[in-house]
Amino acid sequence: MSTHTTPFISQNLKLPYIAPAQAQKHVTVNESLRILDAVVQLSVFDKDLTTPPTAPSDGDRYIVAAGGTGDWAGADFKIAAYQDGAWAIIAPSEGWVSYVVDEGIQYIFNGTSWIDYLGAVLGDLDADTVDGIDSTGFFRLASASTQSASGNLQILKSNPTIDIVRNAAMAGAPTVQLRTNGRYDRIQNTSSGLSFGVNFSGTEKVVLWNGTDLKINGQHTYHVGNIATGTDNARFGELGVGGATADATNVLALNGSAALFNNNGAGIQIKLNKNATADTASFLFQNGFGGRAEIGLTGDDDFHFKVSPDGSTFYDAIIIDKDNGNVGIGIPTPSTKLHVDGPIRCKSYTVATVPSAASSGAGASIYVSNETGGGVLAFSDGTNWLRCTDRAVIS
């Protein structure tokens, strides 16, 4: 039984009826046709405008955004259809669906606002079994009747493809996120070993790994071995950063103008650990990939400072003995705190230009070039410079 409260208006689309003995029946029919033309197979150009476009074409349709102005004032979330040179405003009913052209997305009216249609459809599909989704949360897009234990979302068909495409008119970028307890994980092809990760450890941006080659933010890196799973640690056999190529000898390679090792709230250490006493743990400084200087434990456990003119022949300039801290210059086994293999040359001064003996400190040595009787070594007693030959004050 009809429950119309208005005898000459249809209940759902509000189409006007032709009254008995009505004149100009075509006017009413045409009005109904205009409403049908506006709402059937509903598709609008935009749903985010508050002001009518300045030059609409007949038949253009829009969903008015909140805060409509001008001819759209008071028409928030309603349909505005441009017909015969004027805007017709049509109120949607709950459940109406519209395709929004500039977004390429269907929206559904929930009685208050327009929401993403697909999101509304899939929003509760993790509950009871509905068209391939069971109570365990398994979602299947295929005709297969069996569920694999390896995943909750499967596309069971030949050559499956997932396209995530951003509409060119929209801002932002497409994103795929897989997270465990808030931490991002990865998408992996278990047969080929190819992994695509978004924020593997919560710090990297994009990681593409095929078991051998690794790219972070588009930069080439190299990985042989395993990436630790379930933790924020990664294990690399070879790693190149900034486009550098790592190899079996240089397993860590970096191209860049600087490298920073920052503390984590306290001090910081960089450790070089060698396997045996006869091995090397050192820093090598190169020019054109030829060694020119080296510091560290080179062949024993004493600390060496070496230099080289060609990268082949190295000279031990300074050696610090591990057992007593003695420093040898040009000598491998220093027997005193400073042991020099060769002459020592002090700076030369004239009597008038010698530094303060008190400031230099007792025991300091200099050479005085114009002392009475000729040049002579002098030492400080903390007050004066004394000639080494007779302990007389220089004059």
Protein backbone atom coordinates (compact mmCIF):
# COMPACT_ATOMS: atom_id res chain seq x y z
CA MET A 1 0.00 0.00 0.00
CA SER A 2 1.31 3.43 -0.90
CA THR A 3 2.32 5.67 2.00
CA HIS A 4 2.87 8.86 -0.02
CA THR A 5 2.42 11.92 2.11
CA THR A 6 2.37 14.22 -0.93
CA PRO A 7 -0.13 12.92 -3.47
CA PHE A 8 1.54 14.34 -6.57
CA ILE A 9 5.25 13.60 -5.77
CA SER A 10 6.90 10.16 -6.03
CA GLN A 11 8.32 8.83 -2.78
CA ASN A 12 11.94 8.07 -3.76
CA LEU A 13 13.08 10.33 -6.60
CA LYS A 14 10.48 13.04 -5.85
CA LEU A 15 9.20 13.03 -9.41
CA PRO A 16 6.08 15.12 -9.97
CA TYR A 17 2.93 13.26 -10.99
CA ILE A 18 0.41 14.49 -13.55
CA ALA A 19 -2.68 15.63 -11.69
CA PRO A 20 -6.15 14.74 -12.94
CA ALA A 21 -7.36 17.14 -15.63
CA GLN A 22 -4.05 18.96 -15.47
CA ALA A 23 -3.26 21.42 -18.24
CA GLN A 24 0.15 21.52 -19.91
CA LYS A 25 0.94 17.98 -18.91
CA HIS A 26 4.22 18.14 -20.86
CA VAL A 27 5.66 20.56 -18.30
CA THR A 28 5.30 18.01 -15.49
CA VAL A 29 6.60 15.18 -17.66
CA ASN A 30 9.61 17.21 -18.73
CA GLU A 31 10.40 18.13 -15.13
CA SER A 32 10.39 14.46 -14.19
CA LEU A 33 12.62 13.64 -17.15
CA ARG A 34 15.09 16.33 -16.10
CA ILE A 35 15.34 14.82 -12.61
CA LEU A 36 15.82 11.35 -14.08
CA ASP A 37 18.46 12.68 -16.47
CA ALA A 38 20.31 14.23 -13.54
CA VAL A 39 20.34 11.28 -11.12
CA VAL A 40 20.17 8.07 -13.19
CA GLN A 41 23.66 6.60 -13.85
CA LEU A 42 24.94 9.40 -11.64
CA SER A 43 28.36 10.77 -12.52
CA VAL A 44 29.68 14.15 -11.34
CA PHE A 45 32.77 16.11 -12.38
CA ASP A 46 33.85 17.06 -8.86
CA LYS A 47 32.71 16.80 -5.25
CA ASP A 48 35.09 19.31 -3.62
CA LEU A 49 33.83 22.62 -5.02
CA THR A 50 31.89 25.13 -2.95
CA THR A 51 31.39 27.72 -5.72
CA PRO A 52 29.65 26.98 -9.03
CA PRO A 53 31.99 26.92 -12.06
CA THR A 54 31.87 30.12 -14.10
CA ALA A 55 31.09 28.53 -17.48
CA PRO A 56 29.21 25.26 -17.01
CA SER A 57 27.77 23.29 -19.90
CA ASP A 58 24.19 22.10 -19.96
CA GLY A 59 24.01 18.74 -18.21
CA ASP A 60 27.10 19.23 -16.00
CA ARG A 61 26.70 17.73 -12.55
CA TYR A 62 28.56 18.30 -9.29
CA ILE A 63 28.31 17.26 -5.65
CA VAL A 64 28.42 20.46 -3.61
CA ALA A 65 31.09 20.47 -0.89
CA ALA A 66 30.43 21.75 2.61
CA GLY A 67 30.05 25.53 2.65
CA GLY A 68 28.38 26.03 -0.72
CA THR A 69 28.07 29.62 -1.90
CA GLY A 70 26.23 31.57 -4.58
CA ASP A 71 23.67 29.44 -6.41
CA TRP A 72 24.93 26.51 -4.31
CA ALA A 73 24.30 28.12 -0.94
CA GLY A 74 22.53 25.71 1.39
CA ALA A 75 23.13 22.78 -0.99
CA ASP A 76 25.96 21.08 0.92
CA PHE A 77 26.42 17.44 -0.21
CA LYS A 78 23.51 17.74 -2.64
CA ILE A 79 23.68 17.23 -6.39
CA ALA A 80 23.84 20.39 -8.51
CA ALA A 81 22.81 19.79 -12.14
CA TYR A 82 23.08 22.59 -14.70
CA GLN A 83 19.88 22.46 -16.79
CA ASP A 84 18.44 25.05 -19.17
CA GLY A 85 20.80 27.76 -17.94
CA ALA A 86 20.15 27.30 -14.22
CA TRP A 87 21.28 25.07 -11.36
CA ALA A 88 18.83 22.41 -10.24
CA ILE A 89 19.56 21.18 -6.69
CA ILE A 90 18.64 17.57 -5.94
CA ALA A 91 18.86 16.06 -2.46
CA PRO A 92 20.32 12.52 -2.48
CA SER A 93 18.88 9.70 -0.43
CA GLU A 94 20.94 7.31 1.67
CA GLY A 95 22.51 4.64 -0.54
CA TRP A 96 22.84 6.72 -3.73
CA VAL A 97 26.08 6.04 -5.59
CA SER A 98 27.97 8.50 -7.79
CA TYR A 99 31.15 8.27 -9.84
CA VAL A 100 33.44 11.30 -9.33
CA VAL A 101 35.26 11.93 -12.60
CA ASP A 102 38.25 13.97 -11.38
CA GLU A 103 39.10 11.30 -8.78
CA GLY A 104 38.14 8.19 -10.70
CA ILE A 105 36.38 6.89 -7.59
CA GLN A 106 32.82 5.88 -6.77
CA TYR A 107 31.23 7.41 -3.68
CA ILE A 108 28.16 6.39 -1.72
CA PHE A 109 25.90 8.73 0.25
CA ASN A 110 25.46 7.50 3.82
CA GLY A 111 22.66 9.90 4.66
CA THR A 112 25.04 12.58 5.89
CA SER A 113 28.04 12.73 3.56
CA TRP A 114 29.63 11.02 0.56
CA ILE A 115 32.16 8.28 1.40
CA ASP A 116 34.46 6.07 -0.65
CA TYR A 117 32.23 3.33 -2.09
CA LEU A 118 34.92 0.59 -2.17
CA GLY A 119 36.02 1.42 1.34
CA ALA A 120 32.43 1.15 2.52
CA VAL A 121 31.95 -2.18 0.74
CA LEU A 122 35.19 -3.74 2.04
CA GLY A 123 35.13 -2.12 5.45
CA ASP A 124 33.61 -5.11 7.28
CA LEU A 125 34.84 -7.97 5.15
CA ASP A 126 37.03 -9.39 7.91
CA ALA A 127 34.12 -10.88 9.83
CA ASP A 128 31.85 -13.73 8.80
CA THR A 129 32.22 -15.54 5.50
CA VAL A 130 31.01 -13.29 2.69
CA ASP A 131 31.91 -14.04 -0.93
CA GLY A 132 35.31 -15.59 -0.29
CA ILE A 133 36.08 -14.04 3.10
CA ASP A 134 35.86 -16.28 6.14
CA SER A 135 35.95 -15.71 9.89
CA THR A 136 39.75 -16.02 9.98
CA GLY A 137 40.10 -12.88 7.86
CA PHE A 138 41.08 -14.73 4.66
CA PHE A 139 40.13 -12.82 1.52
CA ARG A 140 40.31 -14.57 -1.85
CA LEU A 141 39.86 -13.10 -5.35
CA ALA A 142 39.42 -16.24 -7.45
CA SER A 143 37.20 -19.19 -8.10
CA ALA A 144 39.46 -21.59 -6.19
CA SER A 145 37.81 -23.22 -3.23
CA THR A 146 40.85 -23.89 -1.03
CA GLN A 147 42.66 -21.54 1.29
CA SER A 148 46.44 -21.49 1.65
CA ALA A 149 47.85 -21.12 5.14
CA SER A 150 50.56 -18.79 3.84
CA GLY A 151 48.47 -15.63 3.61
CA ASN A 152 45.17 -13.91 4.24
CA LEU A 153 44.92 -12.15 0.88
CA GLN A 154 45.36 -14.14 -2.32
CA ILE A 155 44.66 -13.63 -6.02
CA LEU A 156 44.44 -17.12 -7.41
CA LYS A 157 44.74 -16.84 -11.18
CA SER A 158 47.31 -17.04 -13.94
CA ASN A 159 49.70 -14.05 -14.14
CA PRO A 160 48.06 -12.04 -11.34
CA THR A 161 48.63 -8.28 -11.41
CA ILE A 162 47.95 -5.56 -8.86
CA ASP A 163 47.99 -1.99 -10.14
CA ILE A 164 48.04 0.95 -7.75
CA VAL A 165 47.47 4.03 -9.88
CA ARG A 166 47.20 7.63 -8.75
CA ASN A 167 44.84 9.82 -10.73
CA ALA A 168 46.94 12.52 -12.44
CA ALA A 169 44.64 15.25 -11.16
CA MET A 170 45.14 14.25 -7.54
CA ALA A 171 47.95 15.08 -5.14
CA GLY A 172 50.01 12.52 -3.26
CA ALA A 173 51.48 9.21 -4.26
CA PRO A 174 50.28 5.58 -4.10
CA THR A 175 51.46 3.68 -1.04
CA VAL A 176 51.62 0.03 -0.05
CA GLN A 177 52.18 -0.66 3.64
CA LEU A 178 52.63 -3.97 5.43
CA ARG A 179 53.08 -3.61 9.16
CA THR A 180 53.59 -5.91 12.14
CA ASN A 181 52.85 -4.26 15.48
CA GLY A 182 53.27 -0.86 13.82
CA ARG A 183 56.61 -1.76 12.16
CA TYR A 184 56.82 -1.90 8.40
CA ASP A 185 57.69 -5.22 6.78
CA ARG A 186 58.00 -6.26 3.15
CA ILE A 187 56.32 -7.81 0.12
CA GLN A 188 58.22 -10.86 -1.10
CA ASN A 189 58.11 -13.22 -4.06
CA THR A 190 59.06 -16.43 -2.30
CA SER A 191 59.96 -18.25 -5.53
CA SER A 192 62.40 -15.64 -6.89
CA GLY A 193 63.55 -14.09 -3.62
CA LEU A 194 62.55 -10.59 -4.76
CA SER A 195 61.47 -8.39 -1.87
CA PHE A 196 60.03 -4.90 -1.89
CA GLY A 197 60.04 -3.20 1.49
CA VAL A 198 58.64 0.09 2.72
CA ASN A 199 60.52 1.10 5.87
CA PHE A 200 62.13 -2.25 6.64
CA SER A 201 63.55 -0.95 9.94
CA GLY A 202 61.47 2.16 10.43
CA THR A 203 64.21 4.40 9.01
CA GLU A 204 64.85 3.39 5.40
CA LYS A 205 62.35 4.69 2.89
CA VAL A 206 62.12 2.15 0.06
CA VAL A 207 64.09 -1.08 -0.19
CA LEU A 208 64.20 -3.37 -3.22
CA TRP A 209 66.10 -6.60 -2.68
CA ASN A 210 66.48 -9.71 -4.82
CA GLY A 211 68.81 -11.61 -2.52
CA THR A 212 71.96 -10.16 -4.07
CA ASP A 213 71.37 -6.55 -5.13
CA LEU A 214 69.82 -4.05 -2.76
CA LYS A 215 68.53 -0.55 -3.48
CA ILE A 216 67.63 1.97 -0.79
CA ASN A 217 65.90 5.13 -2.07
CA GLY A 218 67.00 4.27 -5.61
CA GLN A 219 70.72 4.07 -4.74
CA HIS A 220 72.60 0.90 -5.65
CA THR A 221 73.74 -1.21 -2.74
CA TYR A 222 74.82 -4.82 -2.72
CA HIS A 223 73.87 -7.58 -0.38
CA VAL A 224 75.08 -11.16 -0.19
CA GLY A 225 73.72 -13.22 2.67
CA ASN A 226 70.62 -12.61 4.71
CA ILE A 227 68.62 -9.67 5.88
CA ALA A 228 67.68 -10.36 9.47
CA THR A 229 63.91 -10.74 9.79
CA GLY A 230 61.84 -9.81 12.78
CA THR A 231 64.44 -7.29 13.99
CA ASP A 232 65.70 -3.88 12.96
CA ASN A 233 69.15 -5.30 12.12
CA ALA A 234 70.38 -6.16 8.64
CA ARG A 235 73.32 -8.39 7.72
CA PHE A 236 75.24 -7.57 4.55
CA GLY A 237 78.03 -9.44 2.81
CA GLU A 238 78.78 -6.44 0.58
CA LEU A 239 77.33 -2.94 0.84
CA GLY A 240 77.85 0.04 -1.46
CA VAL A 241 76.43 3.45 -0.54
CA GLY A 242 75.93 6.49 -2.77
CA GLY A 243 76.51 4.57 -5.99
CA ALA A 244 79.77 2.95 -4.84
CA THR A 245 80.50 -0.63 -5.89
CA ALA A 246 81.45 -2.97 -3.08
CA ASP A 247 83.45 -6.13 -3.78
CA ALA A 248 85.03 -9.10 -2.02
CA THR A 249 87.98 -6.92 -0.84
CA ASN A 250 86.11 -3.71 -0.02
CA VAL A 251 82.88 -5.11 1.35
CA LEU A 252 81.75 -1.63 2.44
CA ALA A 253 82.13 1.17 -0.12
CA LEU A 254 80.91 4.77 0.08
CA ASN A 255 80.76 7.60 -2.44
CA GLY A 256 80.22 10.93 -0.73
CA SER A 257 81.80 14.13 0.54
CA ALA A 258 81.53 13.24 4.23
CA ALA A 259 80.43 10.48 6.59
CA LEU A 260 78.99 11.03 10.07
CA PHE A 261 79.00 8.65 13.01
CA ASN A 262 76.88 10.34 15.67
CA ASN A 263 76.51 9.39 19.33
CA ASN A 264 73.35 7.90 20.77
CA GLY A 265 73.22 10.07 23.85
CA ALA A 266 76.69 9.36 25.27
CA GLY A 267 80.15 8.56 23.88
CA ILE A 268 80.91 6.71 20.67
CA GLN A 269 83.65 4.33 19.51
CA ILE A 270 84.67 2.95 16.13
CA LYS A 271 86.26 -0.47 16.51
CA LEU A 272 88.69 -2.24 14.18
CA ASN A 273 89.24 -5.82 15.33
CA LYS A 274 91.84 -8.07 13.69
CA ASN A 275 92.01 -11.82 13.91
CA ALA A 276 95.63 -12.36 15.03
CA THR A 277 98.72 -10.37 16.09
CA ALA A 278 100.34 -10.69 12.67
CA ASP A 279 97.26 -9.32 10.91
CA THR A 280 96.46 -5.65 10.25
CA ALA A 281 93.85 -3.30 11.72
CA SER A 282 94.51 0.15 10.28
CA PHE A 283 93.29 3.21 8.44
CA LEU A 284 94.88 3.63 4.99
CA PHE A 285 94.92 7.08 3.37
CA GLN A 286 95.11 7.03 -0.44
CA ASN A 287 95.66 9.33 -3.38
CA GLY A 288 94.29 8.00 -6.67
CA PHE A 289 93.72 4.68 -4.86
CA GLY A 290 97.44 4.49 -4.04
CA GLY A 291 98.40 4.34 -0.37
CA ARG A 292 100.26 7.37 1.01
CA ALA A 293 99.83 7.03 4.78
CA GLU A 294 98.67 4.35 7.21
CA ILE A 295 98.00 4.32 10.94
CA GLY A 296 97.10 1.39 13.14
CA LEU A 297 98.24 -2.09 14.11
CA THR A 298 100.21 -3.23 11.05
CA GLY A 299 101.67 -6.69 11.48
CA ASP A 300 101.99 -6.53 15.29
CA ASP A 301 100.24 -4.93 18.24
CA ASP A 302 102.35 -1.75 18.39
CA PHE A 303 100.78 1.42 17.01
CA HIS A 304 102.37 2.53 13.73
CA PHE A 305 102.39 5.74 11.73
CA LYS A 306 103.56 4.94 8.19
CA VAL A 307 104.07 6.98 5.02
CA SER A 308 104.70 6.00 1.42
CA PRO A 309 105.72 7.84 -1.75
CA ASP A 310 104.19 5.31 -4.12
CA GLY A 311 101.81 2.96 -2.27
CA SER A 312 104.33 0.12 -2.35
CA THR A 313 107.22 1.15 -0.07
CA PHE A 314 106.14 2.26 3.40
CA TYR A 315 108.32 3.90 6.02
CA ASP A 316 107.60 3.55 9.74
CA ALA A 317 107.78 7.17 10.88
CA ILE A 318 106.50 6.68 14.42
CA ILE A 319 106.02 3.53 16.50
CA ILE A 320 104.36 3.48 19.93
CA ASP A 321 105.32 0.39 21.94
CA LYS A 322 102.23 -1.42 23.30
CA ASP A 323 104.07 -2.62 26.43
CA ASN A 324 105.38 0.65 27.82
CA GLY A 325 104.16 3.53 25.67
CA ASN A 326 107.68 4.39 24.50
CA VAL A 327 107.70 6.35 21.25
CA GLY A 328 110.20 5.51 18.55
CA ILE A 329 110.91 7.78 15.60
CA GLY A 330 112.49 5.73 12.88
CA ILE A 331 113.25 2.90 15.31
CA PRO A 332 111.07 -0.24 15.81
CA THR A 333 111.91 -0.91 19.49
CA PRO A 334 112.13 2.35 21.45
CA SER A 335 113.90 1.90 24.79
CA THR A 336 113.08 5.33 26.23
CA LYS A 337 110.00 7.51 26.30
CA LEU A 338 111.29 9.14 23.11
CA HIS A 339 113.85 7.21 21.09
CA VAL A 340 115.02 8.79 17.84
CA ASP A 341 117.00 6.98 15.18
CA GLY A 342 119.04 9.94 13.97
CA PRO A 343 119.91 13.54 14.77
CA ILE A 344 117.42 15.78 16.56
CA ARG A 345 117.27 19.40 15.46
CA CYS A 346 115.99 22.09 17.80
CA LYS A 347 114.66 25.39 16.58
CA SER A 348 117.34 28.08 16.22
CA TYR A 349 117.06 31.43 18.05
CA THR A 350 119.24 34.45 18.60
CA VAL A 351 119.91 35.66 22.13
CA ALA A 352 117.44 38.49 21.54
CA THR A 353 114.62 36.25 20.27
CA VAL A 354 114.68 33.26 22.63
CA PRO A 355 111.27 32.43 24.16
CA SER A 356 110.54 32.74 27.86
CA ALA A 357 112.44 30.09 29.81
CA ALA A 358 109.70 30.08 32.46
CA SER A 359 106.91 29.60 29.91
CA SER A 360 108.87 26.91 28.06
CA GLY A 361 109.36 25.03 31.31
CA ALA A 362 112.38 23.42 32.93
CA GLY A 363 114.07 20.92 30.65
CA ALA A 364 113.11 22.56 27.35
CA SER A 365 115.94 22.77 24.81
CA ILE A 366 116.76 25.27 22.06
CA TYR A 367 119.70 26.21 19.85
CA VAL A 368 121.15 29.72 20.27
CA SER A 369 122.96 30.73 17.10
CA ASN A 370 124.80 33.90 18.23
CA GLU A 371 125.81 33.07 21.80
CA THR A 372 129.21 34.32 22.97
CA GLY A 373 131.78 31.87 21.68
CA GLY A 374 129.46 30.58 18.92
CA GLY A 375 126.24 28.65 18.52
CA VAL A 376 125.32 26.38 21.40
CA LEU A 377 122.51 24.21 22.75
CA ALA A 378 120.72 25.71 25.74
CA PHE A 379 118.24 24.34 28.21
CA SER A 380 115.70 25.96 30.53
CA ASP A 381 115.97 25.62 34.30
CA GLY A 382 112.54 27.20 34.66
CA THR A 383 113.99 30.70 35.01
CA ASN A 384 116.86 31.16 32.53
CA TRP A 385 118.32 29.57 29.44
CA LEU A 386 121.63 27.91 30.34
CA ARG A 387 124.36 26.86 27.94
CA CYS A 388 124.69 23.09 27.85
CA THR A 389 128.50 23.43 27.71
CA ASP A 390 129.07 25.22 31.04
CA ARG A 391 125.60 25.93 32.49
CA ALA A 392 126.15 29.66 32.16
CA VAL A 393 123.21 31.89 31.41
CA ILE A 394 123.16 32.90 27.77
CA SER A 395 124.13 36.53 27.18
